[in-house]
Amino acid sequence: MEKDFSWVGVGLRPPHHEYFLENKRDVEWLEIHSENFFQPHSDALQNLLKLRRTYSISCHCVGLSLGSTDPMNKDHLTQLKELIHKIDPLFISDHLSWSSIDGQYFNDLLPLPYTEEALDLFCQKVNECQEYLQRQILIENPSSYLRFHHSTIPEWEFLNHVAQRTGCGLLLDLNNIYVSAFNHGFNIQEYLKGLDARLVKEIHLAGFTINPLKEGEIWIDTHNKPVCSQVWDLFDEWTKKHGPRHTLIEWDADIPAPKILLAEAKKAEEIIQNRITSFIP
């Protein structure tokens, strides 16, 4: 590609390690799933340390289980802190979700009830995590497929409260909002208007899958397709209104050739560059 991308990164996945080692600075930064690099003598970590000489790295976690009533997993935190020490990441992030109970982990990011009790617990976990890591973390809005009848706080307000009470930042996943809005029937613009844009430090863009059921469609955040046109429009509108943020193209399944992934990154960078001149803070 002809230019470097200062704002846009892509998710680093095993099939692309060699490509990014050999092709310097097609993008400025790469995002990893942190848990895949905990083993100190693995080939994956050795490749990451080489890549770190050229690229900034962001750590996107999937195992902190911040919404669980379980105590924080100190072994997991220790391994994450060791990785952070080795690569000094651009960002550290995890999700508004939970994934463990009584020490048993699920291979999924499960939804929270949005209640005052859950808010207190989640903030406690975020504070504990940030204090241990001595770093700010970002919390990502989830995609969801069910809601709790006893939730009393809209998701965007819940996220605002978490960031305001803990000093964490937010990771805005526009595809997750688009998917969840269809699944639950809420208004996307109400969500985006209610979310405090000043707290957003990073944006995720990805593709999704439509699953037909007898009861109707359900949309699943599969990260195995290009970003859809409606999500690109949301990104364009949000960037025009609030200015650029570090933006990631996620593609985790049915992983394409690097040129396809980088073409998505180029779209994002072009939107950002077109909107920088029109943005008035």
Foldseek 3Di string as FASTA:
>chain_A
DPDAFAQEEEEDDVVCLVVPLVDARLYAAYEYAQVVQLPPPDPVVVSVLSSLVGHAYEHEYEAQQLQDPDPGDVVVLVSSLVSCVSRVHPAYEYEQFGADDPRDGDPDGHHDQADPVSLVSSLVSLQVSCVSSVDAHAYEYAQDQDYDPPRDDPPLVSRVSSCVSRVHAYEYELVSLVQNCVNPVDDSVVSVVSHDPVRHAEYEFADWDWDADPVGIHIGRQRADAGDPVSLVVLLVCCLERNGHRYYYGHDPPDDPPVVRSVSRVSSSVSRVVRNVNHDD
